[in-house]
Amino acid sequence: MPILEIKNLTHTYGIGTPFQRSAVEDVSFSIEEGEFLGVIGHTGSGKSTLIQHLNGLLRPTSGQILLEGKDIWAEPKKIRAVRFQVGLVFQYPEYQLFEETVYKDIAYGPSNQGKTGDALNRSVREAARLVGVRDDQLEKSPFELSGGQKRRVALAGVLAMEPKVLVLDEPTAGLDPAGRENLMANIREYHRLKGATIVLVSHSMDEIARNADRILVMKSARILMSGTPSEVFARGAELLSAGLDVPQVTRIAMALREKGVPVDPAVYTAEELEAQLQALRGGAPC
């Protein structure tokens, strides 16, 4: 059974007004337990509206969201419990920090779950370690930290609740390259250690390509395509014509293909492309 199943989801804003529009329209897909799903699409494609349904922040105009086979809106009064199981980290989450210390900020979520004493302390400190927040930073004000460190604190606050599904909306937006890679390394480590399901929304095709098991492509409120990175980037020309991007390595492979070099245009890592070029050279280094 999928951990999350989205059935014929539609969300329409401004119903009955001249501004009525569907941000998500008749979308259906499932997410397997432990899967790392990437979601891509240009601005306005429906990505953010879609993921806000996964933990009940938005209620469908029509359709269903099933968590472990149960409609999350079957008992509306229990929707808060769903949000503990499906943790959502918004873009620029550091703007939501508000407590006096880093420790208290990370502890806020698990405290609301009912954790106290040693159990709360363990959750806070484990989450802090997972994202690279040092013990000596826990008693500092979060507002003394750098932007990247604040981002880690905000992420730790969600991880401390130990959600079954972690939904990340552009988690590396605004960070420098080193900061982006460090944060993604923390997320990969959490995925490896906990076996949690990850849903990553990103504009960076390289980021999605390096991390996702499967990719969902949104366009104009609907799913344009879905598949493994190789399956999706094999349709690179279609992605580009839809106003989307492809990883830099895929662009290079496509350009080489157009010039008559018989490489697979679906490659998306430098290692894959290098291996193919070496094979064409009879195994000699490129």
Protein backbone atom coordinates (compact mmCIF):
# COMPACT_ATOMS: atom_id res chain seq x y z
CA MET A 1 0.00 0.00 0.00
CA PRO A 2 1.39 3.46 -0.89
CA ILE A 3 2.06 5.71 2.08
CA LEU A 4 0.31 8.56 0.24
CA GLU A 5 -2.22 8.32 -2.56
CA ILE A 6 -3.65 11.32 -4.37
CA LYS A 7 -6.90 10.59 -6.17
CA ASN A 8 -8.42 12.97 -8.75
CA LEU A 9 -7.29 16.01 -6.78
CA THR A 10 -8.62 19.38 -7.90
CA HIS A 11 -8.16 22.66 -6.07
CA THR A 12 -9.97 25.70 -7.42
CA TYR A 13 -9.40 29.23 -6.16
CA GLY A 14 -12.01 32.00 -6.36
CA ILE A 15 -14.99 29.74 -7.03
CA GLY A 16 -17.93 31.74 -8.34
CA THR A 17 -15.85 34.83 -9.08
CA PRO A 18 -14.36 36.16 -12.34
CA PHE A 19 -10.97 35.06 -11.00
CA GLN A 20 -11.87 31.38 -10.65
CA ARG A 21 -9.04 29.07 -11.66
CA SER A 22 -7.87 25.57 -10.84
CA ALA A 23 -4.29 25.47 -9.55
CA VAL A 24 -4.41 21.66 -9.51
CA GLU A 25 -6.80 19.80 -11.80
CA ASP A 26 -7.70 16.10 -11.66
CA VAL A 27 -4.26 15.00 -10.45
CA SER A 28 -3.71 11.36 -9.41
CA PHE A 29 -0.51 9.61 -8.30
CA SER A 30 0.88 7.64 -5.37
CA ILE A 31 4.02 7.80 -3.25
CA GLU A 32 5.60 4.63 -1.90
CA GLU A 33 6.95 4.29 1.63
CA GLY A 34 10.62 5.27 1.74
CA GLU A 35 10.56 6.81 -1.74
CA PHE A 36 12.43 10.02 -2.59
CA LEU A 37 10.09 11.84 -4.98
CA GLY A 38 11.12 14.99 -6.85
CA VAL A 39 8.49 17.45 -8.04
CA ILE A 40 9.38 19.95 -10.76
CA GLY A 41 7.51 22.50 -12.83
CA HIS A 42 7.70 26.15 -13.75
CA THR A 43 6.24 28.88 -11.53
CA GLY A 44 2.44 28.64 -11.52
CA SER A 45 2.37 24.97 -12.52
CA GLY A 46 0.61 23.95 -9.30
CA LYS A 47 3.52 22.48 -7.29
CA SER A 48 3.03 24.49 -4.10
CA THR A 49 -0.74 24.07 -4.11
CA LEU A 50 -0.29 20.33 -4.61
CA ILE A 51 2.08 19.78 -1.70
CA GLN A 52 -0.03 21.86 0.70
CA HIS A 53 -2.72 19.19 0.29
CA LEU A 54 -0.42 16.39 1.42
CA ASN A 55 -0.70 17.32 5.10
CA GLY A 56 -4.07 19.03 5.03
CA LEU A 57 -3.02 22.68 4.94
CA LEU A 58 -5.38 22.97 1.97
CA ARG A 59 -8.59 20.99 1.56
CA PRO A 60 -9.39 19.63 -1.89
CA THR A 61 -12.17 21.20 -3.93
CA SER A 62 -12.68 17.61 -5.07
CA GLY A 63 -10.72 14.37 -4.83
CA GLN A 64 -8.96 12.63 -1.97
CA ILE A 65 -5.63 12.46 -0.14
CA LEU A 66 -5.10 9.03 1.43
CA LEU A 67 -2.46 8.57 4.13
CA GLU A 68 -1.77 4.85 4.63
CA GLY A 69 -5.09 4.13 2.94
CA LYS A 70 -7.21 6.55 5.00
CA ASP A 71 -8.73 9.78 3.69
CA ILE A 72 -7.05 12.53 5.75
CA TRP A 73 -10.29 14.53 5.71
CA ALA A 74 -12.50 11.62 6.86
CA GLU A 75 -12.35 13.12 10.36
CA PRO A 76 -11.60 16.84 10.00
CA LYS A 77 -11.11 17.32 13.74
CA LYS A 78 -8.09 14.99 13.58
CA ILE A 79 -6.30 16.81 10.75
CA ARG A 80 -3.72 18.10 13.26
CA ALA A 81 -2.52 14.52 13.77
CA VAL A 82 -1.97 14.22 10.00
CA ARG A 83 0.36 17.22 10.13
CA PHE A 84 2.55 15.42 12.66
CA GLN A 85 2.87 12.47 10.26
CA VAL A 86 3.41 14.55 7.11
CA GLY A 87 5.86 17.33 7.90
CA LEU A 88 5.99 20.29 5.52
CA VAL A 89 8.98 22.64 5.35
CA PHE A 90 8.11 25.82 3.46
CA GLN A 91 10.44 27.84 1.28
CA TYR A 92 12.55 30.18 3.48
CA PRO A 93 11.45 28.43 6.71
CA GLU A 94 13.90 30.51 8.75
CA TYR A 95 11.36 33.35 8.62
CA GLN A 96 9.11 31.23 10.83
CA LEU A 97 11.59 30.98 13.73
CA PHE A 98 10.31 32.76 16.81
CA GLU A 99 11.55 31.19 20.07
CA GLU A 100 14.22 32.58 22.42
CA THR A 101 16.69 29.77 21.78
CA VAL A 102 17.48 27.26 19.06
CA TYR A 103 16.60 24.44 21.47
CA LYS A 104 13.13 25.87 22.16
CA ASP A 105 12.46 26.39 18.47
CA ILE A 106 13.33 22.78 17.63
CA ALA A 107 11.32 21.58 20.65
CA TYR A 108 8.14 23.46 19.70
CA GLY A 109 6.72 20.80 17.36
CA PRO A 110 7.48 17.68 19.42
CA SER A 111 6.20 19.49 22.54
CA ASN A 112 2.86 19.96 20.78
CA GLN A 113 2.90 16.23 20.08
CA GLY A 114 2.99 15.66 23.82
CA LYS A 115 6.67 14.81 24.22
CA THR A 116 8.27 15.87 27.51
CA GLY A 117 11.39 15.22 29.57
CA ASP A 118 13.99 12.81 28.22
CA ALA A 119 11.91 11.87 25.17
CA LEU A 120 11.67 15.53 24.14
CA ASN A 121 15.36 16.13 24.79
CA ARG A 122 16.36 13.11 22.70
CA SER A 123 14.15 14.22 19.79
CA VAL A 124 15.56 17.76 19.84
CA ARG A 125 19.21 16.73 20.05
CA GLU A 126 18.92 13.96 17.46
CA ALA A 127 17.21 16.29 14.98
CA ALA A 128 19.85 18.95 15.63
CA ARG A 129 22.66 16.46 14.96
CA LEU A 130 21.00 15.25 11.75
CA VAL A 131 21.05 18.74 10.25
CA GLY A 132 24.45 19.80 11.59
CA VAL A 133 23.37 22.06 14.46
CA ARG A 134 26.03 21.82 17.18
CA ASP A 135 25.22 21.36 20.86
CA ASP A 136 26.84 24.71 21.71
CA GLN A 137 24.38 26.44 19.34
CA LEU A 138 21.27 25.09 21.04
CA GLU A 139 21.16 27.79 23.74
CA LYS A 140 21.82 30.63 21.32
CA SER A 141 19.11 32.83 19.87
CA PRO A 142 18.23 31.56 16.38
CA PHE A 143 18.51 35.16 15.20
CA GLU A 144 22.26 35.15 15.94
CA LEU A 145 22.80 32.45 13.32
CA SER A 146 23.60 32.74 9.62
CA GLY A 147 20.90 32.21 7.02
CA GLY A 148 22.03 28.65 6.31
CA GLN A 149 22.17 27.79 10.00
CA LYS A 150 18.66 29.20 10.52
CA ARG A 151 17.48 27.01 7.65
CA ARG A 152 18.90 23.95 9.43
CA VAL A 153 17.18 24.90 12.70
CA ALA A 154 13.83 25.23 10.93
CA LEU A 155 14.32 21.84 9.27
CA ALA A 156 15.32 20.28 12.60
CA GLY A 157 12.06 21.53 14.12
CA VAL A 158 10.14 19.40 11.62
CA LEU A 159 12.47 16.38 11.86
CA ALA A 160 12.09 16.37 15.65
CA MET A 161 8.45 15.41 15.17
CA GLU A 162 9.67 12.30 13.30
CA PRO A 163 7.20 12.57 10.41
CA LYS A 164 6.62 9.56 8.20
CA VAL A 165 6.67 11.86 5.17
CA LEU A 166 8.89 14.93 4.86
CA VAL A 167 7.77 17.48 2.24
CA LEU A 168 10.34 20.12 1.29
CA ASP A 169 9.43 23.18 -0.78
CA GLU A 170 12.60 24.59 -2.37
CA PRO A 171 14.70 23.88 0.76
CA THR A 172 17.95 25.25 -0.72
CA ALA A 173 16.52 28.46 -2.23
CA GLY A 174 18.77 31.44 -1.61
CA LEU A 175 21.74 29.44 -0.31
CA ASP A 176 25.19 29.51 -1.89
CA PRO A 177 26.40 26.33 -3.67
CA ALA A 178 28.23 24.99 -0.61
CA GLY A 179 25.21 25.69 1.61
CA ARG A 180 22.88 23.97 -0.86
CA GLU A 181 25.00 20.84 -1.01
CA ASN A 182 25.48 20.72 2.78
CA LEU A 183 21.75 20.97 3.40
CA MET A 184 20.95 18.33 0.76
CA ALA A 185 23.58 16.05 2.34
CA ASN A 186 21.71 16.43 5.66
CA ILE A 187 18.43 15.52 3.96
CA ARG A 188 19.98 12.49 2.24
CA GLU A 189 21.41 11.32 5.56
CA TYR A 190 18.00 11.66 7.24
CA HIS A 191 16.44 9.65 4.40
CA ARG A 192 19.10 6.95 4.75
CA LEU A 193 18.96 6.67 8.52
CA LYS A 194 15.21 6.90 9.03
CA GLY A 195 13.89 5.38 5.81
CA ALA A 196 11.43 8.26 5.71
CA THR A 197 9.51 9.21 2.57
CA ILE A 198 10.80 12.47 1.04
CA VAL A 199 8.98 14.79 -1.35
CA LEU A 200 11.32 17.44 -2.73
CA VAL A 201 10.08 20.43 -4.74
CA SER A 202 12.91 22.23 -6.52
CA HIS A 203 13.62 24.44 -9.50
CA SER A 204 17.10 22.92 -9.72
CA MET A 205 17.08 20.03 -12.15
CA ASP A 206 20.57 19.03 -11.04
CA GLU A 207 19.40 18.86 -7.43
CA ILE A 208 16.41 16.72 -8.38
CA ALA A 209 18.49 14.48 -10.66
CA ARG A 210 21.08 13.77 -7.96
CA ASN A 211 18.58 12.90 -5.25
CA ALA A 212 15.21 11.66 -6.50
CA ASP A 213 14.22 8.06 -7.17
CA ARG A 214 11.28 9.28 -9.25
CA ILE A 215 10.27 12.63 -10.71
CA LEU A 216 6.82 14.16 -11.13
CA VAL A 217 6.62 16.97 -13.69
CA MET A 218 3.81 19.51 -13.32
CA LYS A 219 2.55 21.79 -16.07
CA SER A 220 -0.56 23.99 -16.11
CA ALA A 221 -2.14 22.35 -13.03
CA ARG A 222 -1.70 18.80 -14.34
CA ILE A 223 0.94 16.07 -14.43
CA LEU A 224 2.93 16.33 -17.65
CA MET A 225 5.04 13.23 -17.03
CA SER A 226 6.32 10.93 -14.29
CA GLY A 227 9.14 8.41 -14.10
CA THR A 228 12.70 7.73 -13.01
CA PRO A 229 15.26 10.48 -13.70
CA SER A 230 16.46 8.56 -16.77
CA GLU A 231 12.89 8.20 -18.09
CA VAL A 232 12.07 11.87 -17.53
CA PHE A 233 15.31 13.35 -18.85
CA ALA A 234 15.12 11.08 -21.92
CA ARG A 235 12.32 13.47 -22.85
CA GLY A 236 14.61 16.48 -22.51
CA ALA A 237 13.43 18.15 -25.70
CA GLU A 238 9.83 17.93 -24.46
CA LEU A 239 10.82 19.42 -21.12
CA LEU A 240 12.60 22.30 -22.80
CA SER A 241 9.67 22.96 -25.14
CA ALA A 242 7.41 23.10 -22.06
CA GLY A 243 9.53 25.92 -20.64
CA LEU A 244 11.32 23.68 -18.15
CA ASP A 245 14.99 22.86 -17.80
CA VAL A 246 17.16 19.75 -17.74
CA PRO A 247 20.38 19.04 -15.81
CA GLN A 248 23.51 20.63 -17.27
CA VAL A 249 24.96 17.22 -18.09
CA THR A 250 21.78 16.31 -20.01
CA ARG A 251 22.08 19.54 -22.01
CA ILE A 252 25.67 18.62 -22.92
CA ALA A 253 24.63 15.10 -23.92
CA MET A 254 21.80 16.46 -26.07
CA ALA A 255 24.19 18.86 -27.79
CA LEU A 256 26.70 16.06 -28.43
CA ARG A 257 23.92 13.89 -29.84
CA GLU A 258 22.91 16.66 -32.24
CA LYS A 259 26.51 16.81 -33.46
CA GLY A 260 26.49 13.10 -34.22
CA VAL A 261 28.18 11.74 -31.08
CA PRO A 262 26.24 8.55 -30.18
CA VAL A 263 25.70 9.24 -26.48
CA ASP A 264 22.49 8.64 -24.57
CA PRO A 265 20.78 12.05 -24.24
CA ALA A 266 19.04 10.85 -21.06
CA VAL A 267 22.23 10.88 -18.95
CA TYR A 268 22.03 13.28 -16.02
CA THR A 269 25.26 12.82 -14.04
CA ALA A 270 28.82 13.67 -15.03
CA GLU A 271 29.91 10.14 -14.12
CA GLU A 272 27.43 8.60 -16.56
CA LEU A 273 28.46 10.89 -19.39
CA GLU A 274 32.16 10.30 -18.72
CA ALA A 275 31.63 6.52 -18.80
CA GLN A 276 29.84 6.75 -22.16
CA LEU A 277 32.54 8.95 -23.67
CA GLN A 278 35.26 6.64 -22.40
CA ALA A 279 33.46 3.67 -23.95
CA LEU A 280 33.36 5.51 -27.29
CA ARG A 281 37.12 6.10 -27.01
CA GLY A 282 37.77 2.44 -26.37
CA GLY A 283 38.14 2.88 -22.64
CA ALA A 284 40.72 5.67 -22.83
CA PRO A 285 40.25 8.50 -20.30
CA CYS A 286 38.48 11.55 -21.70
